[in-house]
């Protein structure tokens, strides 16, 4: 119908001799030729297999060519480790991750190439991370992995990334962290559109890391992060509970392909060639989390023991008292140095005596 409309439009024009361009087309022929190239033949593509999927977890697409994905987490939430785990999964050529080395992420096919752009870490920091990377894959020196430090780039970083992609022609591009390319609010939307166009034109899957907001750790930081979330196909959300700094909860943020099953990663100190040991475990709702419609986990409920452990001086005062005391009397005993509000004292008293089986109920 569109082509016919253009034919009708040009048919009503005055019959003038039109100039030919270098390819021998008139202006009208050029327009029609461009329109015909934009047509989609559904009969032709109906049985064409989709080969753009790069990485999955539980059958859910995580990285696909022509799209942008992101990892969101607060500072120190192992975003770089997670990004390298996805790169390691690509290097492992689709092998079944039975040991949980790459947290259940799996490449869709073998032989794919990855470029990892690092704009955050020094060589000393990379040396500390290398033993953990080696636990994820034994192919660190594989030529299919290019690790590039953007700190040493003196020219425009986005132009450098574009030129490097065209030179190496990878399947996956990881940028850790895109926050170092921060532009003004006025330039953010064009920057994100160019990033998405880069993934489309060069036919690569782009994965970026970005810090989460301090006020709301489940959302990326600032307008820059919100705009990145707008174009992202997949968001991997990493939460870092305050009461356990070595344990991280990983789940789906805003994912257009649906949620994958959440999991826990715990880092413990090791010895020798493995200064850090990773422990990985799948979890399910609602055992540890309560989830919303998108599958995103909410904050895990604090246990009574964890709550009381934050106030050892107040708990010791309660323990020394032979009789049960109320929060007002406790406030009088502690004075101005109690470091807790009246509402908090109420919760502490209730939690302490509930723990000692003198009352019941949750905090």
Protein backbone atom coordinates (compact mmCIF):
# COMPACT_ATOMS: atom_id res chain seq x y z
CA UNK A 1 0.00 0.00 0.00
CA UNK A 2 2.84 2.37 0.78
CA UNK A 3 4.48 1.68 -2.57
CA UNK A 4 1.18 2.29 -4.40
CA UNK A 5 0.72 5.55 -2.52
CA UNK A 6 4.10 6.72 -3.69
CA UNK A 7 3.34 5.66 -7.25
CA UNK A 8 0.10 7.65 -7.11
CA UNK A 9 1.91 10.67 -5.73
CA UNK A 10 4.48 10.68 -8.48
CA UNK A 11 1.81 9.95 -11.14
CA UNK A 12 0.12 13.28 -10.40
CA UNK A 13 3.31 15.24 -10.90
CA UNK A 14 3.96 17.18 -14.03
CA UNK A 15 5.54 14.98 -16.65
CA UNK A 16 9.03 16.40 -16.66
CA UNK A 17 12.20 14.70 -17.63
CA UNK A 18 13.88 13.62 -14.40
CA UNK A 19 17.62 13.66 -13.96
CA UNK A 20 19.41 10.35 -13.47
CA UNK A 21 21.80 9.79 -10.59
CA UNK A 22 25.11 7.92 -10.71
CA UNK A 23 23.35 4.53 -10.55
CA UNK A 24 21.01 5.38 -13.39
CA UNK A 25 17.96 5.89 -11.15
CA UNK A 26 15.68 8.89 -11.25
CA UNK A 27 14.60 10.52 -7.98
CA UNK A 28 11.33 8.60 -8.09
CA UNK A 29 13.06 5.30 -8.77
CA UNK A 30 15.45 5.91 -5.86
CA UNK A 31 12.59 6.44 -3.42
CA UNK A 32 10.76 3.33 -4.61
CA UNK A 33 13.96 1.27 -4.53
CA UNK A 34 14.62 2.34 -0.92
CA UNK A 35 11.06 1.45 0.04
CA UNK A 36 11.33 -2.01 -1.51
CA UNK A 37 14.52 -2.70 0.45
CA UNK A 38 12.68 -1.90 3.70
CA UNK A 39 9.96 -4.47 3.04
CA UNK A 40 9.80 -7.51 5.33
CA UNK A 41 8.90 -10.78 3.66
CA UNK A 42 7.25 -12.78 6.47
CA UNK A 43 6.95 -15.89 4.31
CA UNK A 44 10.71 -15.86 3.80
CA UNK A 45 11.67 -15.37 7.45
CA UNK A 46 9.03 -17.68 8.94
CA UNK A 47 11.32 -20.72 9.05
CA UNK A 48 14.60 -18.81 9.46
CA UNK A 49 16.32 -19.81 12.73
CA UNK A 50 17.29 -16.96 15.08
CA UNK A 51 21.06 -16.97 15.63
CA UNK A 52 21.44 -13.74 17.61
CA UNK A 53 21.10 -15.29 21.05
CA UNK A 54 24.50 -15.39 22.77
CA UNK A 55 24.03 -16.27 26.45
CA UNK A 56 21.19 -17.76 28.50
CA UNK A 57 20.37 -18.83 32.05
CA UNK A 58 17.53 -21.25 32.77
CA UNK A 59 16.62 -20.86 29.10
CA UNK A 60 16.08 -17.10 29.58
CA UNK A 61 18.05 -14.96 27.07
CA UNK A 62 20.60 -12.78 28.88
CA UNK A 63 22.73 -11.47 25.99
CA UNK A 64 21.60 -11.19 22.37
CA UNK A 65 23.25 -9.58 19.38
CA UNK A 66 22.01 -6.14 18.48
CA UNK A 67 20.97 -5.34 22.06
CA UNK A 68 22.32 -3.71 25.23
CA UNK A 69 22.21 -5.34 28.69
CA UNK A 70 23.32 -4.10 32.10
CA UNK A 71 24.52 -5.16 35.56
CA UNK A 72 23.30 -2.94 38.41
CA UNK A 73 24.66 -2.95 41.96
CA UNK A 74 25.96 -0.71 44.72
CA UNK A 75 29.68 -0.03 45.11
CA UNK A 76 31.50 -3.22 46.04
CA UNK A 77 28.70 -5.53 44.87
CA UNK A 78 31.02 -7.66 42.65
CA UNK A 79 29.70 -6.19 39.38
CA UNK A 80 33.09 -6.72 37.72
CA UNK A 81 33.18 -10.36 38.84
CA UNK A 82 29.70 -10.90 37.43
CA UNK A 83 30.68 -9.27 34.13
CA UNK A 84 33.72 -11.53 33.85
CA UNK A 85 31.60 -14.56 34.73
CA UNK A 86 29.52 -13.85 31.62
CA UNK A 87 32.71 -13.45 29.56
CA UNK A 88 33.98 -16.76 30.98
CA UNK A 89 30.69 -18.45 30.05
CA UNK A 90 31.25 -17.35 26.44
CA UNK A 91 34.80 -18.73 26.50
CA UNK A 92 33.58 -22.06 27.92
CA UNK A 93 31.80 -22.70 24.59
CA UNK A 94 28.42 -23.76 25.92
CA UNK A 95 29.71 -26.37 28.34
CA UNK A 96 27.26 -27.35 31.08
CA UNK A 97 28.10 -25.31 34.19
CA UNK A 98 27.73 -28.20 36.63
CA UNK A 99 30.16 -26.70 39.16
CA UNK A 100 28.60 -23.24 39.15
CA UNK A 101 31.80 -21.57 37.97
CA UNK A 102 29.90 -19.07 35.84
CA UNK A 103 26.75 -19.00 38.00
CA UNK A 104 24.68 -21.04 35.57
CA UNK A 105 25.19 -18.74 32.56
CA UNK A 106 25.74 -20.69 29.37
CA UNK A 107 26.82 -19.78 25.84
CA UNK A 108 24.49 -20.77 23.03
CA UNK A 109 27.30 -21.89 20.73
CA UNK A 110 31.07 -22.36 20.63
CA UNK A 111 33.77 -20.20 19.10
CA UNK A 112 32.42 -16.76 20.02
CA UNK A 113 34.75 -13.82 20.73
CA UNK A 114 34.60 -11.28 23.57
CA UNK A 115 36.13 -7.84 24.11
CA UNK A 116 36.27 -6.64 27.74
CA UNK A 117 36.75 -2.87 28.12
CA UNK A 118 37.88 -2.05 31.68
CA UNK A 119 37.81 1.62 32.68
CA UNK A 120 38.01 1.16 36.47
CA UNK A 121 40.84 -1.07 37.66
CA UNK A 122 44.58 -0.67 37.87
CA UNK A 123 47.01 -3.47 37.01
CA UNK A 124 47.43 -4.18 40.75
CA UNK A 125 43.67 -4.57 41.19
CA UNK A 126 43.48 -6.88 38.18
CA UNK A 127 46.25 -9.01 39.67
CA UNK A 128 44.14 -9.48 42.82
CA UNK A 129 41.11 -10.49 40.73
CA UNK A 130 42.99 -12.89 38.46
CA UNK A 131 42.73 -15.94 40.81
CA UNK A 132 38.93 -15.55 40.90
CA UNK A 133 38.83 -15.24 37.11
CA UNK A 134 40.83 -18.45 36.83
CA UNK A 135 38.24 -20.25 38.94
CA UNK A 136 35.61 -19.29 36.35
CA UNK A 137 37.49 -20.51 33.27
CA UNK A 138 40.81 -22.10 32.35
CA UNK A 139 40.90 -20.15 29.07
CA UNK A 140 42.17 -16.79 30.37
CA UNK A 141 44.87 -16.67 27.68
CA UNK A 142 42.50 -17.62 24.85
CA UNK A 143 42.93 -15.24 21.87
CA UNK A 144 39.12 -15.02 21.63
CA UNK A 145 39.21 -12.82 24.76
CA UNK A 146 40.59 -9.30 24.38
CA UNK A 147 41.01 -7.39 27.66
CA UNK A 148 41.47 -3.65 27.10
CA UNK A 149 42.12 -1.00 29.75
CA UNK A 150 40.37 2.23 28.82
CA UNK A 151 42.36 4.17 31.40
CA UNK A 152 45.25 4.37 28.96
CA UNK A 153 43.10 5.69 26.07
CA UNK A 154 43.75 9.37 25.40
CA UNK A 155 41.20 9.87 22.61
CA UNK A 156 37.41 9.80 22.79
CA UNK A 157 36.53 6.49 24.48
CA UNK A 158 33.34 5.87 22.52
CA UNK A 159 35.15 6.38 19.21
CA UNK A 160 37.93 4.06 20.38
CA UNK A 161 35.41 1.35 21.33
CA UNK A 162 33.68 1.64 17.95
CA UNK A 163 36.99 1.35 16.03
CA UNK A 164 38.14 -1.58 18.18
CA UNK A 165 34.88 -3.45 17.61
CA UNK A 166 35.19 -3.00 13.85
CA UNK A 167 38.75 -4.30 13.99
CA UNK A 168 38.14 -7.36 16.18
CA UNK A 169 34.52 -8.14 15.14
CA UNK A 170 33.55 -9.75 18.48
CA UNK A 171 30.25 -11.33 19.43
CA UNK A 172 30.16 -9.84 22.95
CA UNK A 173 31.36 -6.43 24.17
CA UNK A 174 31.61 -5.72 27.91
CA UNK A 175 32.10 -2.17 29.22
CA UNK A 176 33.06 -2.01 32.92
CA UNK A 177 31.97 0.59 33.83
CA UNK A 178 29.93 2.79 31.53
CA UNK A 179 29.68 5.32 34.37
CA UNK A 180 33.18 6.55 33.43
CA UNK A 181 31.73 7.75 30.13
CA UNK A 182 29.29 9.97 31.99
CA UNK A 183 28.01 12.86 29.91
CA UNK A 184 25.74 15.78 30.76
CA UNK A 185 22.00 15.21 31.12
CA UNK A 186 21.40 16.91 27.77
CA UNK A 187 23.72 14.45 26.01
CA UNK A 188 22.59 11.31 27.84
CA UNK A 189 19.71 10.31 25.54
CA UNK A 190 21.73 10.75 22.29
CA UNK A 191 24.61 8.81 23.89
CA UNK A 192 22.34 5.88 24.81
CA UNK A 193 20.71 5.88 21.38
CA UNK A 194 24.18 5.77 19.78
CA UNK A 195 25.14 2.90 22.09
CA UNK A 196 22.08 0.93 21.02
CA UNK A 197 22.75 1.77 17.37
CA UNK A 198 26.34 0.56 17.78
CA UNK A 199 25.08 -2.82 19.01
CA UNK A 200 22.68 -3.01 16.07
CA UNK A 201 25.06 -1.87 13.30
CA UNK A 202 28.04 -3.95 14.43
CA UNK A 203 25.82 -6.94 15.32
CA UNK A 204 27.24 -7.40 18.83
CA UNK A 205 25.79 -7.97 22.30
CA UNK A 206 26.83 -5.12 24.61
CA UNK A 207 26.93 -5.62 28.39
CA UNK A 208 27.60 -2.67 30.72
CA UNK A 209 27.99 -2.25 34.49
CA UNK A 210 26.65 0.72 36.44
CA UNK A 211 26.32 1.72 40.09
CA UNK A 212 22.97 1.58 41.82
CA UNK A 213 21.36 4.47 43.63
CA UNK A 214 22.20 4.74 47.34
CA UNK A 215 18.64 5.65 48.25
CA UNK A 216 17.16 2.78 46.20
CA UNK A 217 19.71 0.01 45.50
CA UNK A 218 17.30 -1.68 43.09
CA UNK A 219 17.55 1.21 40.60
CA UNK A 220 20.58 2.44 38.64
CA UNK A 221 22.12 5.76 39.61
CA UNK A 222 20.91 9.05 38.19
CA UNK A 223 19.35 10.05 34.89
CA UNK A 224 22.23 8.34 33.08
CA UNK A 225 21.31 5.02 34.70
CA UNK A 226 17.59 5.48 34.07
CA UNK A 227 18.23 6.07 30.38
CA UNK A 228 20.48 3.01 30.22
CA UNK A 229 17.70 0.98 31.82
CA UNK A 230 15.34 2.29 29.13
CA UNK A 231 17.33 0.74 26.27
CA UNK A 232 18.50 -2.42 28.09
CA UNK A 233 17.10 -5.80 27.11
CA UNK A 234 18.27 -7.46 30.34
CA UNK A 235 19.17 -6.09 33.77
CA UNK A 236 21.07 -8.25 36.25
CA UNK A 237 20.53 -6.89 39.76
CA UNK A 238 23.07 -7.53 42.54
CA UNK A 239 22.08 -6.79 46.13
CA UNK A 240 24.56 -6.57 48.99
CA UNK A 241 22.98 -7.03 52.45
CA UNK A 242 24.48 -4.83 55.17
CA UNK A 243 24.66 -7.64 57.70
CA UNK A 244 26.77 -9.94 55.51
CA UNK A 245 29.37 -8.23 53.36
CA UNK A 246 30.62 -11.44 51.73
CA UNK A 247 27.25 -12.64 50.42
CA UNK A 248 25.53 -11.25 47.33
CA UNK A 249 22.01 -11.87 46.03
CA UNK A 250 21.66 -11.87 42.24
CA UNK A 251 18.31 -11.64 40.49
CA UNK A 252 16.48 -10.20 37.52
CA UNK A 253 15.91 -6.46 37.31
CA UNK A 254 13.82 -5.16 34.44
CA UNK A 255 14.11 -7.96 31.88
CA UNK A 256 12.10 -7.94 28.66
CA UNK A 257 12.55 -11.70 28.33
CA UNK A 258 11.22 -12.54 31.80
CA UNK A 259 13.03 -13.39 35.07
CA UNK A 260 15.68 -16.05 35.62
CA UNK A 261 15.88 -17.91 38.94
CA UNK A 262 17.80 -15.89 41.56
CA UNK A 263 20.98 -17.16 43.18
CA UNK A 264 23.43 -16.40 45.98
CA UNK A 265 27.20 -15.97 45.65
CA UNK A 266 29.41 -16.05 48.73
CA UNK A 267 33.12 -15.18 48.84
CA UNK A 268 35.30 -16.69 51.57
CA UNK A 269 39.03 -16.34 52.16
CA UNK A 270 41.24 -19.10 50.83
CA UNK A 271 44.96 -19.80 50.65
CA UNK A 272 47.74 -19.97 48.09
CA UNK A 273 46.65 -19.67 44.48
CA UNK A 274 43.01 -19.21 45.50
CA UNK A 275 42.84 -16.28 47.97
CA UNK A 276 39.08 -16.18 47.41
CA UNK A 277 36.71 -19.13 47.15
CA UNK A 278 33.35 -18.70 45.50
CA UNK A 279 30.31 -20.57 46.74
CA UNK A 280 27.27 -20.49 44.47
CA UNK A 281 23.74 -21.64 45.23
CA UNK A 282 20.40 -21.29 43.46
CA UNK A 283 17.50 -20.11 45.58
CA UNK A 284 13.79 -19.99 44.93
CA UNK A 285 10.86 -17.83 45.98
CA UNK A 286 9.59 -17.53 48.63
CA UNK A 287 12.27 -19.41 50.64
CA UNK A 288 14.62 -16.44 51.01
CA UNK A 289 12.85 -13.67 49.16
CA UNK A 290 9.39 -12.38 48.47
CA UNK A 291 9.17 -11.32 44.84
CA UNK A 292 7.09 -8.84 42.93
CA UNK A 293 5.51 -9.41 39.52
CA UNK A 294 8.74 -8.89 37.59
CA UNK A 295 10.48 -11.54 39.72
CA UNK A 296 12.71 -8.96 41.39
CA UNK A 297 13.59 -9.96 44.98
CA UNK A 298 12.75 -7.61 47.79
CA UNK A 299 14.96 -7.07 50.82
CA UNK A 300 15.38 -10.23 52.91
CA UNK A 301 13.73 -9.94 56.33
CA UNK A 302 16.24 -9.48 59.13
CA UNK A 303 16.24 -12.23 61.75
CA UNK A 304 15.84 -11.49 65.44
CA UNK A 305 19.43 -12.54 66.17
CA UNK A 306 20.81 -10.26 63.45
CA UNK A 307 18.76 -7.34 64.76
CA UNK A 308 19.86 -7.75 68.38
CA UNK A 309 23.51 -8.21 67.36
CA UNK A 310 23.58 -4.58 66.20
CA UNK A 311 22.95 -3.33 69.77
CA UNK A 312 25.30 -5.30 72.09
CA UNK A 313 25.41 -2.63 74.84
CA UNK A 314 21.62 -2.41 75.11
CA UNK A 315 21.26 -6.20 75.06
CA UNK A 316 23.88 -6.46 77.81
CA UNK A 317 21.87 -4.00 79.93
CA UNK A 318 18.77 -6.14 79.49
CA UNK A 319 20.69 -9.30 80.35
CA UNK A 320 22.01 -7.81 83.62
CA UNK A 321 18.52 -6.90 84.84
CA UNK A 322 17.00 -9.70 87.00
CA UNK A 323 13.49 -8.56 86.16
CA UNK A 324 11.88 -7.66 82.91
CA UNK A 325 12.06 -3.92 82.24
CA UNK A 326 10.16 -1.75 79.78
CA UNK A 327 11.61 0.51 77.12
CA UNK A 328 11.03 3.70 79.20
CA UNK A 329 12.98 2.35 82.16
CA UNK A 330 15.67 1.11 79.77
CA UNK A 331 15.93 4.58 78.22
CA UNK A 332 16.37 6.09 81.70
CA UNK A 333 19.14 3.64 82.57
CA UNK A 334 21.03 4.17 79.32
CA UNK A 335 20.71 7.95 79.36
CA UNK A 336 21.66 10.08 76.39
CA UNK A 337 24.36 7.66 75.19
CA UNK A 338 21.92 4.94 74.20
CA UNK A 339 22.49 5.46 70.39
CA UNK A 340 18.94 4.33 69.64
CA UNK A 341 15.61 6.06 69.31
CA UNK A 342 12.62 5.31 71.54
CA UNK A 343 10.97 3.35 68.70
CA UNK A 344 14.13 1.28 68.28
CA UNK A 345 14.24 0.60 72.02
CA UNK A 346 10.68 -0.71 71.84
CA UNK A 347 11.73 -3.16 69.10
CA UNK A 348 14.85 -4.23 71.02
CA UNK A 349 12.90 -4.94 74.21
CA UNK A 350 10.24 -6.86 72.32
CA UNK A 351 12.83 -8.85 70.35
CA UNK A 352 14.96 -9.63 73.42
CA UNK A 353 12.15 -10.98 75.58
CA UNK A 354 10.62 -12.84 72.63
CA UNK A 355 14.00 -14.51 72.12
CA UNK A 356 13.98 -15.47 75.82
CA UNK A 357 10.52 -17.07 75.40
CA UNK A 358 8.82 -14.52 77.66
CA UNK A 359 6.66 -13.22 74.87
CA UNK A 360 5.98 -14.09 71.28
CA UNK A 361 5.67 -12.36 67.92
CA UNK A 362 7.92 -10.85 65.31
CA UNK A 363 9.84 -7.62 65.53
